[in-house]
């Protein structure tokens, strides 16, 4: 077999013929036209060459031992559909021509050869073969680009979903009341799905009641569409409609798609979120549905947590009420004193601009700040005269006793500080821990001021009540030593006095 030549500028051709003279003649004619030529006598050898080398054209004899030219054409086309094949025959007939073309041959030439005919057919076959290969490669690249575009779209979709999931987790992380949570869900739903309208509805007395909304100002109730009743409340499944004529907000209809997803708690439908009027028009996508379901699932978990928290809170309130009643049974003064100082503390905390956590701490622990007095003997607690030094030392133990008592309620640090540290002094000479300055928790510094003010302005068995002016003068005198001067100044600026208690009334609730 001839040596495999490097592919030249014009093209590379494989000649297959079992007749050496014909094979060499074709080879010489093609070499004269500057083609690179490889010649072989066996169709099987030709197949091996094609599988291992690149050719622009194959010229093969029709009649060969072991495998006909027709069979070789079929095998070559199976390997490379774009490879052009020219058939050579000494007996051209119409049937032969049809059969050759049917098997996929590009053309055929007859013996004896005409040089011009060979040049024309070979050049045209190579050009068209290259065009087909380039087209196939281009088509492959186009398909790859389409595949990449499809992958990119999928990635964008997943990225959007993941971004939405992260936003949902972050936005619903903080504690809410049920009302605030539903309001946040309605706001998130409109943003994440690019909708103008969102409503969160419950089914009450055979009508829909709006619990939270975005873009539905003034709407409170709506009739129940049967499709919504059957799908969302019956099957507990999402509902997507292209044109919603039964939209509960009354803003649906032709051209306004509807998306509704239930919020399930304990397997029952607590409420459902509905969206309509998608920005920019169009229908709700599978991504919109996925995002809204994730939002509703997260909302469901938060609602369950809120319900559990409120139940625990209610139990805590009952426990506190029991302790307060225990205090009342011992000392009527202590009962009223605890109520008043709690109201003072809440009012002052709001005046200063304290956080809701601080105000809640006063609301819970204020009535209990003297609960430790339960552990003080009646002879000391109810003594009508001033206490002796020894008796006062025993009385000073009540903050620690109180801390032990409220410890079973698992109150937070703020609440515990109110009970334990409300008798600390700003100069560090207080009890039980001898804390000073800003080391004393803020809630305890506030409570120290209001606690002392109320004690001074209340009549005791061993002394009469001081006037408001006298109590304020004493607070100013002890400012910086017993009390935090900034807290005293804020108390005075707030304008609180004994008469303001009635106005504050139920502010503790």
Protein backbone atom coordinates (compact mmCIF):
# COMPACT_ATOMS: atom_id res chain seq x y z
CA UNK A 1 0.00 0.00 0.00
CA UNK A 2 1.17 3.53 -0.69
CA UNK A 3 2.52 5.60 2.09
CA UNK A 4 -0.08 7.82 3.80
CA UNK A 5 0.59 11.38 2.62
CA UNK A 6 -0.01 14.55 4.57
CA UNK A 7 -3.22 16.27 3.59
CA UNK A 8 -2.41 18.94 0.97
CA UNK A 9 -4.06 22.20 0.12
CA UNK A 10 -6.30 20.76 -2.57
CA UNK A 11 -7.58 17.68 -0.78
CA UNK A 12 -6.87 14.12 0.28
CA UNK A 13 -8.33 11.24 -1.75
CA UNK A 14 -8.50 7.48 -1.13
CA UNK A 15 -8.60 5.31 -4.26
CA UNK A 16 -9.90 1.74 -3.86
CA UNK A 17 -9.58 -0.72 -6.78
CA UNK A 18 -8.47 -4.34 -6.99
CA UNK A 19 -7.00 -3.73 -10.50
CA UNK A 20 -3.44 -2.35 -10.03
CA UNK A 21 -3.38 -0.67 -13.43
CA UNK A 22 -6.63 1.19 -12.85
CA UNK A 23 -5.58 2.06 -9.31
CA UNK A 24 -2.25 3.52 -10.42
CA UNK A 25 -3.80 5.35 -13.37
CA UNK A 26 -6.33 7.10 -11.13
CA UNK A 27 -3.62 7.90 -8.63
CA UNK A 28 -1.39 9.49 -11.27
CA UNK A 29 -4.23 11.52 -12.78
CA UNK A 30 -5.17 12.89 -9.37
CA UNK A 31 -1.58 13.64 -8.36
CA UNK A 32 -1.27 15.72 -11.52
CA UNK A 33 -4.12 17.88 -10.14
CA UNK A 34 -2.23 18.41 -6.85
CA UNK A 35 -4.34 16.09 -4.71
CA UNK A 36 -2.82 13.96 -1.98
CA UNK A 37 -3.66 10.38 -2.90
CA UNK A 38 -3.63 7.09 -1.05
CA UNK A 39 -4.45 3.91 -2.98
CA UNK A 40 -5.38 0.43 -1.77
CA UNK A 41 -6.80 -2.73 -3.36
CA UNK A 42 -9.06 -4.05 -0.57
CA UNK A 43 -12.37 -2.57 0.61
CA UNK A 44 -11.57 -3.84 4.11
CA UNK A 45 -8.25 -2.04 4.07
CA UNK A 46 -10.08 1.05 2.83
CA UNK A 47 -12.41 0.97 5.83
CA UNK A 48 -9.47 0.76 8.23
CA UNK A 49 -7.80 3.72 6.49
CA UNK A 50 -10.93 5.85 6.67
CA UNK A 51 -11.38 5.07 10.35
CA UNK A 52 -7.81 6.10 11.17
CA UNK A 53 -7.19 8.96 8.72
CA UNK A 54 -9.06 11.95 7.38
CA UNK A 55 -10.01 11.97 3.67
CA UNK A 56 -11.97 14.46 1.63
CA UNK A 57 -13.09 11.87 -0.97
CA UNK A 58 -13.16 8.14 -1.64
CA UNK A 59 -13.12 6.77 -5.21
CA UNK A 60 -13.98 3.08 -5.32
CA UNK A 61 -14.53 0.41 -7.98
CA UNK A 62 -18.01 -1.08 -8.21
CA UNK A 63 -16.98 -4.72 -8.60
CA UNK A 64 -14.39 -6.04 -6.11
CA UNK A 65 -13.83 -9.45 -4.47
CA UNK A 66 -15.01 -9.87 -0.86
CA UNK A 67 -17.08 -6.68 -0.77
CA UNK A 68 -18.79 -4.82 -3.54
CA UNK A 69 -18.46 -1.10 -4.08
CA UNK A 70 -22.11 -0.75 -3.08
CA UNK A 71 -21.44 -2.39 0.29
CA UNK A 72 -18.34 -0.26 0.78
CA UNK A 73 -20.35 2.92 0.14
CA UNK A 74 -22.90 1.87 2.73
CA UNK A 75 -20.17 1.11 5.28
CA UNK A 76 -18.43 4.42 4.60
CA UNK A 77 -21.69 6.36 5.01
CA UNK A 78 -22.38 4.63 8.29
CA UNK A 79 -18.98 5.83 9.48
CA UNK A 80 -19.15 9.39 8.09
CA UNK A 81 -22.34 10.53 6.33
CA UNK A 82 -20.59 13.65 5.01
CA UNK A 83 -17.75 11.76 3.28
CA UNK A 84 -18.37 11.89 -0.50
CA UNK A 85 -17.87 8.65 -2.45
CA UNK A 86 -17.49 8.37 -6.26
CA UNK A 87 -18.15 5.00 -7.86
CA UNK A 88 -16.09 3.70 -10.80
CA UNK A 89 -17.64 1.25 -13.27
CA UNK A 90 -16.90 -0.09 -16.75
CA UNK A 91 -20.57 -0.94 -17.40
CA UNK A 92 -22.75 2.09 -16.76
CA UNK A 93 -26.48 1.50 -16.91
CA UNK A 94 -29.52 3.37 -15.60
CA UNK A 95 -30.08 0.72 -12.94
CA UNK A 96 -26.47 1.01 -11.89
CA UNK A 97 -26.67 4.78 -11.63
CA UNK A 98 -29.87 4.61 -9.58
CA UNK A 99 -28.44 1.93 -7.29
CA UNK A 100 -25.21 3.85 -6.77
CA UNK A 101 -27.01 7.08 -5.84
CA UNK A 102 -29.50 5.21 -3.67
CA UNK A 103 -26.69 3.84 -1.51
CA UNK A 104 -25.41 7.34 -0.98
CA UNK A 105 -22.66 7.68 -3.59
CA UNK A 106 -22.07 11.26 -4.73
CA UNK A 107 -21.58 10.36 -8.41
CA UNK A 108 -20.02 7.76 -10.67
CA UNK A 109 -17.43 7.81 -13.45
CA UNK A 110 -16.92 5.31 -16.21
CA UNK A 111 -13.96 3.56 -17.70
CA UNK A 112 -12.10 4.56 -19.80
CA UNK A 113 -11.50 7.76 -17.85
CA UNK A 114 -11.87 11.26 -19.21
CA UNK A 115 -9.46 13.61 -17.49
CA UNK A 116 -11.72 16.66 -17.57
CA UNK A 117 -14.67 14.61 -16.30
CA UNK A 118 -12.60 13.27 -13.41
CA UNK A 119 -11.30 16.74 -12.46
CA UNK A 120 -14.78 18.27 -12.53
CA UNK A 121 -16.51 15.53 -10.55
CA UNK A 122 -13.69 15.23 -7.99
CA UNK A 123 -13.47 18.99 -7.37
CA UNK A 124 -17.24 19.33 -7.01
CA UNK A 125 -17.46 16.29 -4.70
CA UNK A 126 -14.69 17.58 -2.43
CA UNK A 127 -16.19 21.06 -2.26
CA UNK A 128 -19.66 19.77 -1.43
CA UNK A 129 -18.25 17.25 1.04
CA UNK A 130 -16.38 19.98 2.85
CA UNK A 131 -19.48 22.15 2.83
CA UNK A 132 -21.53 19.34 4.37
CA UNK A 133 -18.89 18.76 7.04
CA UNK A 134 -18.66 22.46 7.86
CA UNK A 135 -22.44 22.66 7.94
CA UNK A 136 -22.59 19.66 10.23
CA UNK A 137 -19.94 21.16 12.51
CA UNK A 138 -21.76 24.48 12.49
CA UNK A 139 -25.04 22.73 13.25
CA UNK A 140 -23.32 20.90 16.08
CA UNK A 141 -22.03 24.20 17.46
CA UNK A 142 -25.50 25.72 17.15
CA UNK A 143 -26.95 22.76 19.03
CA UNK A 144 -24.23 23.12 21.63
CA UNK A 145 -25.00 26.83 21.97
CA UNK A 146 -28.70 25.97 22.34
CA UNK A 147 -27.78 23.37 24.93
CA UNK A 148 -25.61 25.91 26.77
CA UNK A 149 -28.43 28.47 26.59
CA UNK A 150 -30.78 25.88 28.03
CA UNK A 151 -28.30 25.10 30.81
CA UNK A 152 -27.85 28.83 31.49
CA UNK A 153 -31.62 29.28 31.67
CA UNK A 154 -31.83 26.38 34.11
CA UNK A 155 -29.01 27.88 36.18
CA UNK A 156 -30.67 31.29 36.16
CA UNK A 157 -33.94 29.66 37.23
CA UNK A 158 -32.23 27.74 40.04
CA UNK A 159 -30.25 30.83 41.08
CA UNK A 160 -33.46 32.85 41.21
CA UNK A 161 -35.14 30.15 43.28
CA UNK A 162 -32.17 29.84 45.66
CA UNK A 163 -31.99 33.62 46.01
CA UNK A 164 -35.71 33.70 46.77
CA UNK A 165 -35.37 30.87 49.32
CA UNK A 166 -32.53 32.74 51.05
CA UNK A 167 -34.59 35.95 51.10
CA UNK A 168 -37.54 34.06 52.58
CA UNK A 169 -35.41 32.44 55.30
CA UNK A 170 -33.82 35.76 56.24
CA UNK A 171 -37.05 37.76 56.19
CA UNK A 172 -39.01 35.26 58.31
CA UNK A 173 -36.20 34.58 60.78
CA UNK A 174 -37.12 37.30 63.25
CA UNK A 175 -39.99 36.84 65.74
CA UNK A 176 -43.37 38.16 64.68
CA UNK A 177 -46.90 38.31 65.87
CA UNK A 178 -49.22 36.33 63.58
CA UNK A 179 -50.50 39.58 62.08
CA UNK A 180 -47.02 40.91 61.39
CA UNK A 181 -45.92 37.59 59.91
CA UNK A 182 -48.83 37.46 57.46
CA UNK A 183 -48.17 41.05 56.46
CA UNK A 184 -44.52 40.20 55.77
CA UNK A 185 -45.58 37.15 53.73
CA UNK A 186 -47.86 39.27 51.54
CA UNK A 187 -45.06 41.77 50.93
CA UNK A 188 -42.54 39.07 50.07
CA UNK A 189 -44.96 37.24 47.78
CA UNK A 190 -45.54 40.30 45.60
CA UNK A 191 -41.83 41.09 45.34
CA UNK A 192 -40.61 37.55 44.66
CA UNK A 193 -43.26 36.81 42.00
CA UNK A 194 -43.44 40.36 40.59
CA UNK A 195 -47.16 40.67 41.32
CA UNK A 196 -49.21 43.78 42.00
CA UNK A 197 -51.80 42.15 44.25
CA UNK A 198 -51.53 39.66 47.09
CA UNK A 199 -54.14 38.59 49.61
CA UNK A 200 -53.99 36.13 52.50
CA UNK A 201 -57.44 34.72 53.23
CA UNK A 202 -59.10 32.44 55.75
CA UNK A 203 -62.43 30.66 55.29
CA UNK A 204 -64.85 31.85 57.98
CA UNK A 205 -68.63 31.48 58.04
CA UNK A 206 -68.68 30.37 54.41
CA UNK A 207 -66.90 33.47 53.18
CA UNK A 208 -63.30 34.53 52.71
CA UNK A 209 -61.85 36.93 55.27
CA UNK A 210 -58.76 38.97 54.42
CA UNK A 211 -56.00 38.66 57.05
CA UNK A 212 -53.19 40.53 55.26
CA UNK A 213 -52.73 42.05 51.84
CA UNK A 214 -50.70 44.10 49.41
CA UNK A 215 -52.64 46.27 46.98
CA UNK A 216 -56.05 45.40 48.46
CA UNK A 217 -56.77 48.42 50.62
CA UNK A 218 -60.36 48.59 51.79
CA UNK A 219 -61.20 44.92 51.14
CA UNK A 220 -62.29 42.79 54.12
CA UNK A 221 -64.39 39.89 52.84
CA UNK A 222 -65.10 38.06 49.59
CA UNK A 223 -67.40 35.28 48.38
CA UNK A 224 -65.87 31.81 47.96
CA UNK A 225 -65.24 30.70 44.38
CA UNK A 226 -66.03 26.99 44.00
CA UNK A 227 -62.74 26.32 42.21
CA UNK A 228 -60.85 27.82 45.14
CA UNK A 229 -62.98 25.90 47.63
CA UNK A 230 -62.48 22.56 45.86
CA UNK A 231 -58.79 22.85 45.00
CA UNK A 232 -57.26 24.85 47.85
CA UNK A 233 -59.54 24.07 50.78
CA UNK A 234 -60.71 20.65 49.59
CA UNK A 235 -57.65 19.06 47.99
CA UNK A 236 -55.22 21.36 49.89
CA UNK A 237 -53.28 21.96 46.70
CA UNK A 238 -52.10 25.05 44.76
CA UNK A 239 -54.33 26.50 42.06
CA UNK A 240 -53.10 28.27 38.89
CA UNK A 241 -55.55 29.88 36.48
CA UNK A 242 -54.83 31.76 33.25
CA UNK A 243 -57.93 33.94 33.60
CA UNK A 244 -59.47 34.17 37.05
CA UNK A 245 -63.07 35.37 37.06
CA UNK A 246 -63.54 34.18 40.66
CA UNK A 247 -60.54 36.03 42.12
CA UNK A 248 -61.45 36.94 45.75
CA UNK A 249 -60.02 40.44 45.41
CA UNK A 250 -62.47 41.23 42.60
CA UNK A 251 -59.63 42.31 40.32
CA UNK A 252 -59.30 39.11 38.31
CA UNK A 253 -60.83 38.24 34.96
CA UNK A 254 -59.60 37.85 31.43
CA UNK A 255 -55.93 38.56 31.05
CA UNK A 256 -55.29 38.36 34.79
CA UNK A 257 -53.69 35.05 35.84
CA UNK A 258 -54.28 33.74 39.37
CA UNK A 259 -51.98 31.80 41.66
CA UNK A 260 -53.17 30.46 45.00
CA UNK A 261 -51.23 28.34 47.52
CA UNK A 262 -52.53 27.07 50.89
CA UNK A 263 -50.74 27.57 54.20
CA UNK A 264 -51.07 24.29 56.07
CA UNK A 265 -50.79 23.84 59.82
CA UNK A 266 -51.11 20.33 61.18
CA UNK A 267 -52.38 19.12 57.82
CA UNK A 268 -55.27 21.62 57.78
CA UNK A 269 -55.60 24.77 55.69
CA UNK A 270 -54.97 27.72 58.01
CA UNK A 271 -55.17 30.28 55.19
CA UNK A 272 -54.21 30.65 51.55
CA UNK A 273 -52.09 33.17 49.68
CA UNK A 274 -53.44 34.44 46.36
CA UNK A 275 -51.59 36.46 43.72
CA UNK A 276 -52.85 38.21 40.62
CA UNK A 277 -51.96 41.02 38.19
CA UNK A 278 -48.42 39.89 37.36
CA UNK A 279 -46.23 42.81 36.38
CA UNK A 280 -45.52 42.98 32.67
CA UNK A 281 -48.39 40.61 31.91
CA UNK A 282 -47.96 36.92 31.24
CA UNK A 283 -48.80 33.86 33.25
CA UNK A 284 -47.39 32.54 36.50
CA UNK A 285 -44.48 30.17 35.94
CA UNK A 286 -43.40 26.99 37.68
CA UNK A 287 -40.70 29.08 39.38
CA UNK A 288 -43.36 31.42 40.78
CA UNK A 289 -45.26 28.42 42.12
CA UNK A 290 -42.10 26.89 43.64
CA UNK A 291 -41.15 30.17 45.33
CA UNK A 292 -44.65 30.78 46.71
CA UNK A 293 -44.88 27.21 48.04
CA UNK A 294 -41.53 27.67 49.80
CA UNK A 295 -42.78 30.94 51.28
CA UNK A 296 -45.99 29.30 52.50
CA UNK A 297 -44.09 26.33 53.95
CA UNK A 298 -41.76 28.64 55.87
CA UNK A 299 -44.71 30.75 57.02
CA UNK A 300 -46.43 27.59 58.25
CA UNK A 301 -43.43 26.68 60.42
CA UNK A 302 -43.19 30.21 61.80
CA UNK A 303 -46.94 30.24 62.56
CA UNK A 304 -46.61 26.99 64.49
CA UNK A 305 -43.65 28.44 66.42
CA UNK A 306 -45.58 31.63 67.17
CA UNK A 307 -48.57 29.62 68.41
CA UNK A 308 -46.28 27.53 70.62
CA UNK A 309 -44.55 30.66 71.92
CA UNK A 310 -47.86 32.39 72.68
CA UNK A 311 -49.06 29.28 74.51
CA UNK A 312 -45.89 29.23 76.60
CA UNK A 313 -46.25 32.97 77.16
CA UNK A 314 -49.79 32.51 78.40
CA UNK A 315 -48.64 29.81 80.82
CA UNK A 316 -45.90 32.16 81.99
CA UNK A 317 -48.42 34.96 82.54
CA UNK A 318 -50.53 32.62 84.66
CA UNK A 319 -47.49 31.62 86.71
CA UNK A 320 -46.60 35.27 87.25
CA UNK A 321 -50.17 36.07 88.23
CA UNK A 322 -50.04 33.28 90.84
CA UNK A 323 -46.82 34.68 92.29
CA UNK A 324 -48.25 38.19 92.39
CA UNK A 325 -51.31 36.90 94.24
CA UNK A 326 -48.94 35.22 96.71
CA UNK A 327 -47.27 38.59 97.28
CA UNK A 328 -50.64 40.28 97.71
CA UNK A 329 -51.61 37.76 100.39
CA UNK A 330 -48.54 38.73 102.43
CA UNK A 331 -48.47 42.49 102.09
CA UNK A 332 -51.05 44.79 100.48
CA UNK A 333 -48.46 47.55 100.21
CA UNK A 334 -46.13 45.32 98.20
CA UNK A 335 -48.97 44.47 95.76
CA UNK A 336 -49.79 48.10 94.96
CA UNK A 337 -46.15 49.14 95.01
CA UNK A 338 -45.25 46.46 92.42
CA UNK A 339 -48.08 47.55 90.12
CA UNK A 340 -47.16 51.23 90.30
CA UNK A 341 -43.42 50.78 89.83
CA UNK A 342 -44.07 48.54 86.83
CA UNK A 343 -46.19 51.26 85.19
CA UNK A 344 -43.55 53.90 86.02
CA UNK A 345 -40.78 51.73 84.56
CA UNK A 346 -42.67 51.02 81.32
CA UNK A 347 -43.49 54.70 80.85
CA UNK A 348 -39.90 55.80 81.56
CA UNK A 349 -38.45 53.13 79.27
CA UNK A 350 -40.65 54.36 76.44
CA UNK A 351 -39.70 57.97 77.15
CA UNK A 352 -36.00 57.08 76.98
CA UNK A 353 -36.53 55.12 73.75
CA UNK A 354 -35.76 51.64 75.03
CA UNK A 355 -36.35 48.60 72.82
CA UNK A 356 -39.46 46.44 72.96
CA UNK A 357 -37.40 43.75 74.73
CA UNK A 358 -36.74 46.11 77.63
CA UNK A 359 -40.39 47.16 77.88
CA UNK A 360 -41.50 43.52 77.81
CA UNK A 361 -38.96 42.75 80.54
CA UNK A 362 -40.56 45.38 82.79
CA UNK A 363 -44.03 44.10 81.93
CA UNK A 364 -43.12 40.56 83.04
CA UNK A 365 -40.62 41.09 85.83
CA UNK A 366 -41.83 44.42 87.25
CA UNK A 367 -44.69 42.84 89.23
CA UNK A 368 -42.20 40.26 90.54
CA UNK A 369 -39.31 42.48 91.51
CA UNK A 370 -40.11 42.05 95.24
CA UNK A 371 -41.31 38.43 95.02
CA UNK A 372 -38.36 37.41 97.20
CA UNK A 373 -40.08 39.06 100.17
CA UNK A 374 -42.18 35.90 100.33
CA UNK A 375 -39.15 34.37 102.02
CA UNK A 376 -38.91 37.09 104.67
CA UNK A 377 -40.50 36.45 108.07
CA UNK A 378 -43.70 38.38 108.83
CA UNK A 379 -42.07 39.85 111.91
CA UNK A 380 -39.63 41.65 109.69
CA UNK A 381 -41.71 42.18 106.52
CA UNK A 382 -44.76 43.54 108.34
CA UNK A 383 -42.95 45.35 111.15
CA UNK A 384 -44.56 48.79 111.69
CA UNK A 385 -41.34 50.37 112.93
CA UNK A 386 -38.03 50.87 111.19
CA UNK A 387 -35.92 47.74 110.87
CA UNK A 388 -32.88 47.15 112.99
CA UNK A 389 -29.50 46.69 111.33
CA UNK A 390 -29.74 42.91 111.72
CA UNK A 391 -33.31 42.85 110.37
CA UNK A 392 -32.31 45.01 107.40
CA UNK A 393 -29.51 42.54 106.56
CA UNK A 394 -32.15 39.81 106.40
CA UNK A 395 -34.39 42.03 104.25
CA UNK A 396 -31.47 42.57 101.85
CA UNK A 397 -31.62 38.89 100.96
CA UNK A 398 -34.96 39.24 99.16
CA UNK A 399 -33.44 39.97 95.66
CA UNK A 400 -31.54 36.67 95.74
CA UNK A 401 -34.57 34.79 97.07
CA UNK A 402 -36.59 36.37 94.29
CA UNK A 403 -34.07 35.29 91.67
CA UNK A 404 -34.32 31.70 92.90
CA UNK A 405 -38.11 31.81 92.75
CA UNK A 406 -38.37 33.23 89.22
CA UNK A 407 -35.59 30.91 88.07
CA UNK A 408 -38.16 28.16 87.51
CA UNK A 409 -39.90 30.44 84.97
CA UNK A 410 -36.77 30.51 82.78
CA UNK A 411 -36.92 34.29 82.41
CA UNK A 412 -34.28 36.09 80.35
CA UNK A 413 -31.30 38.14 81.52
CA UNK A 414 -33.23 41.42 81.53
CA UNK A 415 -36.04 40.06 83.68
CA UNK A 416 -33.58 38.40 86.05
CA UNK A 417 -31.60 41.65 86.40
CA UNK A 418 -34.75 43.53 87.44
CA UNK A 419 -35.45 41.05 90.22
CA UNK A 420 -31.85 40.65 91.43
CA UNK A 421 -30.25 44.07 90.88
CA UNK A 422 -32.91 46.74 91.48
CA UNK A 423 -31.23 47.62 94.82
CA UNK A 424 -27.75 48.18 93.37
CA UNK A 425 -26.31 51.69 93.80
CA UNK A 426 -24.56 53.74 91.14
CA UNK A 427 -21.61 54.26 93.54
CA UNK A 428 -21.23 50.48 94.02
CA UNK A 429 -22.50 50.40 97.61
CA UNK A 430 -25.76 48.60 96.82
CA UNK A 431 -26.74 44.95 97.12
CA UNK A 432 -26.60 42.02 96.51
CA UNK A 433 -23.62 42.21 94.09
CA UNK A 434 -22.12 45.63 94.78
CA UNK A 435 -22.26 46.60 91.09
CA UNK A 436 -21.52 50.20 90.16
CA UNK A 437 -21.99 52.66 87.31
CA UNK A 438 -22.84 51.25 83.88
CA UNK A 439 -22.00 47.74 85.12
CA UNK A 440 -25.47 47.78 86.59
CA UNK A 441 -27.89 46.60 83.87
CA UNK A 442 -29.97 49.46 82.40
CA UNK A 443 -33.25 47.84 83.47
CA UNK A 444 -32.02 47.73 87.08
CA UNK A 445 -30.84 51.39 86.99
CA UNK A 446 -34.28 52.44 85.70
CA UNK A 447 -36.10 50.36 88.26
CA UNK A 448 -33.96 51.67 91.12
CA UNK A 449 -35.21 55.22 90.39
CA UNK A 450 -38.92 54.41 90.01
CA UNK A 451 -38.84 51.94 92.90
CA UNK A 452 -37.40 54.57 95.28
CA UNK A 453 -39.71 57.32 94.02
CA UNK A 454 -42.80 55.21 94.67
CA UNK A 455 -41.52 54.14 98.09
CA UNK A 456 -40.91 57.78 99.10
CA UNK A 457 -44.34 58.97 97.91
CA UNK A 458 -46.24 56.16 99.67
CA UNK A 459 -47.30 56.25 103.30
CA UNK A 460 -45.68 53.59 105.47
CA UNK A 461 -46.52 52.59 109.06
CA UNK A 462 -43.30 54.21 110.30
CA UNK A 463 -43.46 57.48 108.25
CA UNK A 464 -45.81 59.63 106.15
CA UNK A 465 -45.58 59.89 102.36
CA UNK A 466 -43.39 62.60 100.87
CA UNK A 467 -44.70 65.00 98.30
CA UNK A 468 -43.74 64.69 94.64
CA UNK A 469 -41.47 67.73 94.96
CA UNK A 470 -39.75 66.33 98.04
CA UNK A 471 -39.19 62.95 96.31
CA UNK A 472 -37.75 64.64 93.21
CA UNK A 473 -35.43 66.72 95.38
CA UNK A 474 -34.20 63.52 97.08
CA UNK A 475 -33.61 61.82 93.71
CA UNK A 476 -31.57 64.83 92.57
CA UNK A 477 -29.59 64.84 95.81
CA UNK A 478 -28.71 61.16 95.38
CA UNK A 479 -28.05 61.45 91.65
CA UNK A 480 -24.60 60.07 90.82
CA UNK A 481 -24.31 58.25 94.14
CA UNK A 482 -27.36 56.05 94.62
CA UNK A 483 -28.86 56.62 91.16
CA UNK A 484 -27.72 57.03 87.57
CA UNK A 485 -27.94 60.80 86.99
CA UNK A 486 -29.11 60.36 83.37
CA UNK A 487 -32.00 58.16 84.48
CA UNK A 488 -33.01 60.66 87.18
CA UNK A 489 -32.93 63.50 84.64
CA UNK A 490 -35.09 61.46 82.20
CA UNK A 491 -37.55 60.64 84.99
CA UNK A 492 -37.96 64.33 85.81
CA UNK A 493 -38.30 65.33 82.14
CA UNK A 494 -40.96 62.63 81.58
CA UNK A 495 -43.26 64.49 84.01
CA UNK A 496 -44.37 61.37 85.85
CA UNK A 497 -45.91 61.71 89.27
CA UNK A 498 -48.30 59.91 91.57
CA UNK A 499 -51.32 61.36 89.80
CA UNK A 500 -50.21 60.09 86.40
CA UNK A 501 -50.63 56.46 87.52
CA UNK A 502 -54.40 56.59 86.90
CA UNK A 503 -53.80 57.96 83.39
CA UNK A 504 -51.34 55.18 82.63
CA UNK A 505 -54.01 52.71 83.78
CA UNK A 506 -53.74 49.51 81.80
CA UNK A 507 -50.48 50.42 80.09
CA UNK A 508 -48.98 47.30 81.61
CA UNK A 509 -51.15 45.01 79.49
